[in-house]
Amino acid sequence: MTLLTTVFAACICTAIWYKSEARTEMKIGTLCFMYWGASLMWFVDAIFEYKESGAEFFNPAPLDMLNDFFLGLSAVALGLIIWLAILFVKDPKGVVKSVLFRNSK
């Protein structure tokens, strides 16, 4: 489920990156790279887990699937938090800078 969750997030993010006019300004590519990297990581993990467990890999317990889904959602949320932190630091539209300097005067 972690693999599916991050692949869906990566596909959605890539579609947004492809359609967006402000893709460079909003650093959407960075978010795509994070999600595709997580997807690749869990794909490699799935390969090695399949090698260990064989056909049992395709019959997980419902509780294990739920835990994996929550782990995937946590990875997606962490990616969003990191992306937002990058946006706050880079401040492409100058919003944070204007708010900080407006309140300091």
N, C-alpha and C. Protein backbone atom coordinates (compact mmCIF):
# COMPACT_ATOMS: atom_id res chain seq x y z
N MET A 1 0.82 -1.20 0.00
CA MET A 1 0.00 0.00 0.00
C MET A 1 0.86 1.26 0.00
N THR A 2 2.04 1.19 0.59
CA THR A 2 2.91 2.36 0.56
C THR A 2 3.30 2.68 -0.87
N LEU A 3 3.59 1.65 -1.62
CA LEU A 3 3.96 1.84 -3.02
C LEU A 3 2.82 2.47 -3.80
N LEU A 4 1.61 1.93 -3.64
CA LEU A 4 0.46 2.48 -4.36
C LEU A 4 0.17 3.92 -3.97
N THR A 5 0.26 4.22 -2.69
CA THR A 5 -0.03 5.57 -2.21
C THR A 5 0.95 6.58 -2.80
N THR A 6 2.24 6.24 -2.77
CA THR A 6 3.22 7.19 -3.29
C THR A 6 3.19 7.26 -4.81
N VAL A 7 2.86 6.17 -5.49
CA VAL A 7 2.75 6.22 -6.96
C VAL A 7 1.57 7.10 -7.36
N PHE A 8 0.45 6.98 -6.67
CA PHE A 8 -0.69 7.85 -6.97
C PHE A 8 -0.34 9.31 -6.71
N ALA A 9 0.34 9.58 -5.59
CA ALA A 9 0.75 10.96 -5.30
C ALA A 9 1.72 11.47 -6.36
N ALA A 10 2.65 10.63 -6.79
CA ALA A 10 3.61 11.03 -7.82
C ALA A 10 2.92 11.29 -9.15
N CYS A 11 1.96 10.45 -9.51
CA CYS A 11 1.24 10.65 -10.78
C CYS A 11 0.41 11.93 -10.75
N ILE A 12 -0.27 12.17 -9.66
CA ILE A 12 -1.07 13.39 -9.52
C ILE A 12 -0.17 14.62 -9.56
N CYS A 13 0.93 14.56 -8.85
CA CYS A 13 1.87 15.68 -8.81
C CYS A 13 2.49 15.93 -10.19
N THR A 14 2.80 14.86 -10.91
CA THR A 14 3.36 15.00 -12.24
C THR A 14 2.35 15.61 -13.20
N ALA A 15 1.09 15.21 -13.09
CA ALA A 15 0.04 15.80 -13.93
C ALA A 15 -0.12 17.29 -13.63
N ILE A 16 -0.05 17.66 -12.36
CA ILE A 16 -0.13 19.08 -11.99
C ILE A 16 1.08 19.83 -12.53
N TRP A 17 2.25 19.22 -12.43
CA TRP A 17 3.47 19.84 -12.95
C TRP A 17 3.37 20.05 -14.46
N TYR A 18 2.82 19.07 -15.14
CA TYR A 18 2.71 19.14 -16.60
C TYR A 18 1.74 20.23 -17.04
N LYS A 19 0.64 20.39 -16.33
CA LYS A 19 -0.40 21.35 -16.71
C LYS A 19 -0.14 22.76 -16.18
N SER A 20 0.70 22.90 -15.16
CA SER A 20 0.87 24.19 -14.47
C SER A 20 1.75 25.14 -15.26
N GLU A 21 1.36 26.39 -15.26
CA GLU A 21 2.17 27.43 -15.88
C GLU A 21 3.32 27.86 -14.96
N ALA A 22 3.11 27.77 -13.65
CA ALA A 22 4.10 28.24 -12.68
C ALA A 22 4.91 27.09 -12.10
N ARG A 23 5.21 26.08 -12.92
CA ARG A 23 5.90 24.88 -12.41
C ARG A 23 7.27 25.19 -11.86
N THR A 24 8.01 26.09 -12.51
CA THR A 24 9.36 26.41 -12.01
C THR A 24 9.27 27.31 -10.80
N GLU A 25 8.37 28.24 -10.85
CA GLU A 25 8.25 29.22 -9.77
C GLU A 25 7.81 28.55 -8.46
N MET A 26 6.90 27.61 -8.55
CA MET A 26 6.37 26.97 -7.35
C MET A 26 7.12 25.70 -6.96
N LYS A 27 8.19 25.35 -7.66
CA LYS A 27 9.04 24.20 -7.33
C LYS A 27 8.25 22.89 -7.29
N ILE A 28 7.32 22.72 -8.21
CA ILE A 28 6.51 21.50 -8.25
C ILE A 28 7.37 20.30 -8.66
N GLY A 29 8.39 20.55 -9.45
CA GLY A 29 9.30 19.48 -9.84
C GLY A 29 9.99 18.82 -8.66
N THR A 30 10.31 19.62 -7.64
CA THR A 30 10.92 19.09 -6.42
C THR A 30 9.98 18.12 -5.73
N LEU A 31 8.72 18.49 -5.67
CA LEU A 31 7.72 17.61 -5.06
C LEU A 31 7.58 16.32 -5.86
N CYS A 32 7.60 16.43 -7.18
CA CYS A 32 7.52 15.23 -8.04
C CYS A 32 8.70 14.31 -7.79
N PHE A 33 9.91 14.89 -7.71
CA PHE A 33 11.10 14.07 -7.47
C PHE A 33 11.03 13.36 -6.12
N MET A 34 10.50 14.03 -5.10
CA MET A 34 10.38 13.38 -3.80
C MET A 34 9.42 12.19 -3.86
N TYR A 35 8.28 12.38 -4.53
CA TYR A 35 7.30 11.29 -4.60
C TYR A 35 7.78 10.16 -5.50
N TRP A 36 8.41 10.48 -6.62
CA TRP A 36 8.93 9.41 -7.47
C TRP A 36 10.08 8.69 -6.79
N GLY A 37 10.89 9.40 -6.01
CA GLY A 37 11.96 8.75 -5.25
C GLY A 37 11.41 7.80 -4.20
N ALA A 38 10.35 8.23 -3.50
CA ALA A 38 9.72 7.35 -2.52
C ALA A 38 9.10 6.14 -3.20
N SER A 39 8.50 6.34 -4.36
CA SER A 39 7.91 5.22 -5.11
C SER A 39 8.98 4.23 -5.53
N LEU A 40 10.10 4.73 -6.00
CA LEU A 40 11.20 3.85 -6.39
C LEU A 40 11.74 3.08 -5.19
N MET A 41 11.85 3.76 -4.05
CA MET A 41 12.33 3.10 -2.83
C MET A 41 11.40 1.96 -2.44
N TRP A 42 10.08 2.20 -2.45
CA TRP A 42 9.16 1.14 -2.05
C TRP A 42 9.01 0.07 -3.12
N PHE A 43 9.29 0.39 -4.36
CA PHE A 43 9.29 -0.63 -5.40
C PHE A 43 10.45 -1.61 -5.18
N VAL A 44 11.62 -1.08 -4.87
CA VAL A 44 12.77 -1.94 -4.57
C VAL A 44 12.50 -2.76 -3.32
N ASP A 45 11.87 -2.15 -2.32
CA ASP A 45 11.51 -2.87 -1.10
C ASP A 45 10.53 -4.01 -1.41
N ALA A 46 9.57 -3.75 -2.30
CA ALA A 46 8.60 -4.79 -2.67
C ALA A 46 9.29 -5.94 -3.40
N ILE A 47 10.27 -5.63 -4.23
CA ILE A 47 11.00 -6.69 -4.94
C ILE A 47 11.71 -7.59 -3.95
N PHE A 48 12.41 -6.99 -2.99
CA PHE A 48 13.15 -7.80 -2.02
C PHE A 48 12.21 -8.55 -1.08
N GLU A 49 11.09 -7.94 -0.73
CA GLU A 49 10.12 -8.63 0.12
C GLU A 49 9.49 -9.80 -0.63
N TYR A 50 9.23 -9.64 -1.92
CA TYR A 50 8.70 -10.74 -2.72
C TYR A 50 9.72 -11.88 -2.82
N LYS A 51 10.99 -11.51 -2.95
CA LYS A 51 12.03 -12.53 -3.00
C LYS A 51 12.09 -13.35 -1.73
N GLU A 52 11.85 -12.69 -0.59
CA GLU A 52 11.88 -13.39 0.70
C GLU A 52 10.64 -14.24 0.93
N SER A 53 9.46 -13.67 0.70
CA SER A 53 8.23 -14.36 1.09
C SER A 53 7.53 -15.11 -0.03
N GLY A 54 7.87 -14.84 -1.26
CA GLY A 54 7.25 -15.56 -2.37
C GLY A 54 5.80 -15.16 -2.58
N ALA A 55 4.94 -16.15 -2.77
CA ALA A 55 3.53 -15.90 -3.09
C ALA A 55 2.77 -15.29 -1.91
N GLU A 56 3.28 -15.42 -0.69
CA GLU A 56 2.63 -14.81 0.48
C GLU A 56 2.61 -13.29 0.39
N PHE A 57 3.49 -12.75 -0.42
CA PHE A 57 3.56 -11.30 -0.59
C PHE A 57 2.24 -10.74 -1.11
N PHE A 58 1.51 -11.51 -1.90
CA PHE A 58 0.27 -11.04 -2.51
C PHE A 58 -0.96 -11.27 -1.63
N ASN A 59 -0.80 -11.82 -0.44
CA ASN A 59 -1.91 -12.04 0.49
C ASN A 59 -1.61 -11.42 1.84
N PRO A 60 -1.50 -10.09 1.91
CA PRO A 60 -1.20 -9.47 3.20
C PRO A 60 -2.44 -9.46 4.10
N ALA A 61 -2.18 -9.39 5.38
CA ALA A 61 -3.27 -9.27 6.35
C ALA A 61 -3.87 -7.87 6.25
N PRO A 62 -5.18 -7.74 6.51
CA PRO A 62 -5.81 -6.42 6.42
C PRO A 62 -5.16 -5.38 7.34
N LEU A 63 -4.75 -5.79 8.52
CA LEU A 63 -4.10 -4.85 9.43
C LEU A 63 -2.76 -4.38 8.87
N ASP A 64 -2.02 -5.27 8.23
CA ASP A 64 -0.76 -4.88 7.60
C ASP A 64 -1.00 -3.90 6.45
N MET A 65 -2.06 -4.12 5.69
CA MET A 65 -2.39 -3.20 4.60
C MET A 65 -2.75 -1.82 5.13
N LEU A 66 -3.51 -1.79 6.23
CA LEU A 66 -3.89 -0.51 6.83
C LEU A 66 -2.66 0.22 7.36
N ASN A 67 -1.77 -0.50 8.02
CA ASN A 67 -0.54 0.11 8.52
C ASN A 67 0.31 0.65 7.38
N ASP A 68 0.41 -0.11 6.29
CA ASP A 68 1.18 0.34 5.13
C ASP A 68 0.54 1.56 4.48
N PHE A 69 -0.79 1.60 4.46
CA PHE A 69 -1.48 2.76 3.90
C PHE A 69 -1.20 4.01 4.73
N PHE A 70 -1.25 3.87 6.06
CA PHE A 70 -0.94 5.02 6.92
C PHE A 70 0.51 5.45 6.77
N LEU A 71 1.42 4.51 6.57
CA LEU A 71 2.81 4.85 6.34
C LEU A 71 2.96 5.60 5.02
N GLY A 72 2.24 5.18 3.99
CA GLY A 72 2.28 5.88 2.71
C GLY A 72 1.71 7.28 2.81
N LEU A 73 0.60 7.44 3.54
CA LEU A 73 0.04 8.78 3.75
C LEU A 73 1.00 9.66 4.54
N SER A 74 1.70 9.07 5.49
CA SER A 74 2.69 9.84 6.25
C SER A 74 3.83 10.31 5.36
N ALA A 75 4.25 9.46 4.44
CA ALA A 75 5.32 9.84 3.51
C ALA A 75 4.85 10.96 2.58
N VAL A 76 3.62 10.88 2.12
CA VAL A 76 3.07 11.93 1.26
C VAL A 76 2.96 13.24 2.04
N ALA A 77 2.50 13.17 3.27
CA ALA A 77 2.39 14.37 4.10
C ALA A 77 3.76 14.97 4.39
N LEU A 78 4.74 14.13 4.67
CA LEU A 78 6.10 14.63 4.92
C LEU A 78 6.66 15.30 3.67
N GLY A 79 6.40 14.73 2.50
CA GLY A 79 6.82 15.36 1.26
C GLY A 79 6.20 16.73 1.07
N LEU A 80 4.92 16.84 1.41
CA LEU A 80 4.25 18.15 1.31
C LEU A 80 4.83 19.15 2.29
N ILE A 81 5.16 18.71 3.50
CA ILE A 81 5.74 19.60 4.50
C ILE A 81 7.11 20.09 4.05
N ILE A 82 7.93 19.20 3.52
CA ILE A 82 9.24 19.60 3.02
C ILE A 82 9.10 20.57 1.86
N TRP A 83 8.16 20.30 0.95
CA TRP A 83 7.92 21.19 -0.18
C TRP A 83 7.47 22.57 0.29
N LEU A 84 6.58 22.62 1.28
CA LEU A 84 6.13 23.90 1.82
C LEU A 84 7.28 24.66 2.49
N ALA A 85 8.15 23.93 3.18
CA ALA A 85 9.31 24.58 3.80
C ALA A 85 10.22 25.17 2.72
N ILE A 86 10.41 24.45 1.63
CA ILE A 86 11.22 24.98 0.53
C ILE A 86 10.56 26.23 -0.05
N LEU A 87 9.23 26.20 -0.19
CA LEU A 87 8.53 27.38 -0.71
C LEU A 87 8.66 28.57 0.24
N PHE A 88 8.58 28.34 1.53
CA PHE A 88 8.72 29.44 2.49
C PHE A 88 10.12 30.04 2.45
N VAL A 89 11.13 29.19 2.28
CA VAL A 89 12.50 29.69 2.24
C VAL A 89 12.76 30.42 0.92
N LYS A 90 12.37 29.85 -0.20
CA LYS A 90 12.60 30.47 -1.51
C LYS A 90 11.68 31.66 -1.74
N ASP A 91 10.46 31.60 -1.24
CA ASP A 91 9.46 32.66 -1.35
C ASP A 91 9.35 33.21 -2.77
N PRO A 92 8.89 32.37 -3.73
CA PRO A 92 8.91 32.78 -5.14
C PRO A 92 8.02 33.97 -5.47
N LYS A 93 6.95 34.16 -4.76
CA LYS A 93 6.06 35.28 -5.06
C LYS A 93 6.25 36.45 -4.10
N GLY A 94 7.16 36.33 -3.15
CA GLY A 94 7.45 37.41 -2.22
C GLY A 94 6.39 37.63 -1.15
N VAL A 95 5.55 36.66 -0.92
CA VAL A 95 4.45 36.80 0.04
C VAL A 95 4.98 36.85 1.47
N VAL A 96 5.87 35.93 1.82
CA VAL A 96 6.40 35.88 3.18
C VAL A 96 7.20 37.14 3.48
N LYS A 97 7.99 37.59 2.52
CA LYS A 97 8.80 38.80 2.70
C LYS A 97 7.91 40.02 2.93
N SER A 98 6.83 40.14 2.17
CA SER A 98 5.95 41.28 2.34
C SER A 98 5.22 41.25 3.67
N VAL A 99 4.86 40.07 4.14
CA VAL A 99 4.19 39.97 5.43
C VAL A 99 5.15 40.29 6.56
N LEU A 100 6.37 39.81 6.48
CA LEU A 100 7.35 40.07 7.53
C LEU A 100 7.72 41.53 7.61
N PHE A 101 7.93 42.17 6.48
CA PHE A 101 8.34 43.59 6.50
C PHE A 101 7.18 44.52 6.78
N ARG A 102 5.97 44.11 6.45
CA ARG A 102 4.80 44.94 6.75
C ARG A 102 4.55 44.99 8.26
N ASN A 103 4.76 43.87 8.95
CA ASN A 103 4.53 43.81 10.39
C ASN A 103 5.68 44.41 11.18
N SER A 104 6.87 44.50 10.62
CA SER A 104 8.01 45.00 11.38
C SER A 104 8.08 46.52 11.42
N LYS A 105 7.34 47.21 10.56
CA LYS A 105 7.40 48.69 10.53
C LYS A 105 6.46 49.32 11.49
